[in-house]
C-alpha atoms as a PDB file:
ATOM      1  CA  MET A   1     112.828  96.583  91.196  1.00  0.00           C
ATOM      2  CA  GLY A   2     112.649  95.049  94.558  1.00  0.00           C
ATOM      3  CA  ASP A   3     109.033  95.264  96.093  1.00  0.00           C
ATOM      4  CA  SER A   4     107.081  96.835  93.409  1.00  0.00           C
ATOM      5  CA  ARG A   5     103.475  95.797  91.984  1.00  0.00           C
ATOM      6  CA  LEU A   6     101.811  97.451  89.425  1.00  0.00           C
ATOM      7  CA  GLY A   7      99.044 100.501  89.833  1.00  0.00           C
ATOM      8  CA  SER A   8      96.550 100.955  87.519  1.00  0.00           C
ATOM      9  CA  ARG A   9      94.584 103.355  85.504  1.00  0.00           C
ATOM     10  CA  LEU A  10      92.656 101.034  83.513  1.00  0.00           C
ATOM     11  CA  LYS A  11      89.295 101.473  84.943  1.00  0.00           C
ATOM     12  CA  GLU A  12      89.577 105.620  85.273  1.00  0.00           C
ATOM     13  CA  VAL A  13      90.360 105.390  81.859  1.00  0.00           C
ATOM     14  CA  ARG A  14      87.458 103.230  80.459  1.00  0.00           C
ATOM     15  CA  MET A  15      85.228 104.759  82.404  1.00  0.00           C
ATOM     16  CA  ALA A  16      86.194 108.296  80.960  1.00  0.00           C
ATOM     17  CA  ALA A  17      85.751 106.757  77.648  1.00  0.00           C
ATOM     18  CA  GLY A  18      82.211 105.450  77.855  1.00  0.00           C
ATOM     19  CA  LEU A  19      82.886 101.839  77.607  1.00  0.00           C
ATOM     20  CA  THR A  20      82.097  99.287  80.210  1.00  0.00           C
ATOM     21  CA  GLN A  21      84.220  96.152  81.020  1.00  0.00           C
ATOM     22  CA  ALA A  22      82.768  94.267  78.218  1.00  0.00           C
ATOM     23  CA  GLU A  23      83.187  96.389  75.550  1.00  0.00           C
ATOM     24  CA  LEU A  24      86.832  96.797  76.440  1.00  0.00           C
ATOM     25  CA  ALA A  25      86.884  93.473  76.411  1.00  0.00           C
ATOM     26  CA  GLU A  26      85.419  93.197  72.981  1.00  0.00           C
ATOM     27  CA  ARG A  27      87.119  95.686  71.400  1.00  0.00           C
ATOM     28  CA  ALA A  28      90.766  94.845  73.260  1.00  0.00           C
ATOM     29  CA  GLY A  29      90.193  90.804  72.274  1.00  0.00           C
ATOM     30  CA  VAL A  30      89.920  89.411  75.784  1.00  0.00           C
ATOM     31  CA  SER A  31      87.208  88.287  78.039  1.00  0.00           C
ATOM     32  CA  ARG A  32      85.512  90.509  80.307  1.00  0.00           C
ATOM     33  CA  LYS A  33      86.676  89.156  83.202  1.00  0.00           C
ATOM     34  CA  THR A  34      90.345  89.585  82.048  1.00  0.00           C
ATOM     35  CA  ILE A  35      89.074  93.428  82.316  1.00  0.00           C
ATOM     36  CA  ASN A  36      87.634  93.116  85.888  1.00  0.00           C
ATOM     37  CA  THR A  37      90.679  91.197  87.519  1.00  0.00           C
ATOM     38  CA  VAL A  38      93.463  93.728  85.373  1.00  0.00           C
ATOM     39  CA  GLU A  39      91.596  96.232  87.056  1.00  0.00           C
ATOM     40  CA  ASN A  40      91.498  94.921  90.325  1.00  0.00           C
ATOM     41  CA  GLY A  41      94.782  94.392  90.182  1.00  0.00           C
ATOM     42  CA  VAL A  42      93.976  90.954  90.747  1.00  0.00           C
ATOM     43  CA  PHE A  43      96.031  90.077  87.076  1.00  0.00           C
ATOM     44  CA  VAL A  44      99.135  91.861  85.651  1.00  0.00           C
ATOM     45  CA  PRO A  45      98.519  92.377  81.727  1.00  0.00           C
ATOM     46  CA  SER A  46     100.858  91.029  79.238  1.00  0.00           C
ATOM     47  CA  THR A  47     102.650  93.452  77.172  1.00  0.00           C
ATOM     48  CA  LEU A  48     100.223  92.373  74.557  1.00  0.00           C
ATOM     49  CA  LEU A  49      97.362  92.762  76.233  1.00  0.00           C
ATOM     50  CA  ALA A  50      98.654  96.620  77.744  1.00  0.00           C
ATOM     51  CA  LEU A  51      99.791  97.582  74.129  1.00  0.00           C
ATOM     52  CA  SER A  52      96.166  96.525  73.346  1.00  0.00           C
ATOM     53  CA  LEU A  53      94.431  98.241  75.584  1.00  0.00           C
ATOM     54  CA  ALA A  54      95.905 101.559  75.618  1.00  0.00           C
ATOM     55  CA  SER A  55      95.333 101.494  71.929  1.00  0.00           C
ATOM     56  CA  VAL A  56      91.620 101.064  72.115  1.00  0.00           C
ATOM     57  CA  LEU A  57      91.647 103.602  74.551  1.00  0.00           C
ATOM     58  CA  GLY A  58      94.050 105.990  73.040  1.00  0.00           C
ATOM     59  CA  THR A  59      96.578 106.192  75.311  1.00  0.00           C
ATOM     60  CA  SER A  60      99.634 104.822  76.292  1.00  0.00           C
ATOM     61  CA  VAL A  61     100.547 102.551  78.767  1.00  0.00           C
ATOM     62  CA  GLU A  62     102.493 104.461  80.834  1.00  0.00           C
ATOM     63  CA  GLU A  63      98.731 106.120  81.460  1.00  0.00           C
ATOM     64  CA  LEU A  64      97.204 102.844  82.343  1.00  0.00           C
ATOM     65  CA  PHE A  65      99.881 101.593  84.487  1.00  0.00           C
ATOM     66  CA  TYR A  66     102.391 102.486  86.799  1.00  0.00           C
ATOM     67  CA  LEU A  67     105.021 100.745  89.205  1.00  0.00           C
ATOM     68  CA  VAL A  68     103.817 101.363  93.473  1.00  0.00           C
ATOM     69  CA  GLU A  69     106.460 101.697  95.210  1.00  0.00           C
ATOM     70  CA  HIS A  70     105.975  99.470  98.909  1.00  0.00           C
END
């Protein structure tokens, strides 16, 4: 894949769903800090977390995350 990084629409989708970081974290079974770091691109979520977040938000992993080519 070369010089790719993960882009995230998590914040936009979460806000559109009317959820706070804490509410999404609770539903996904992770800490609010985890949600914050994923939204800010600091932390790349595991496949399990990405699937869990998509499930909670009623969307697909592909809708939440995408590859950014440099």
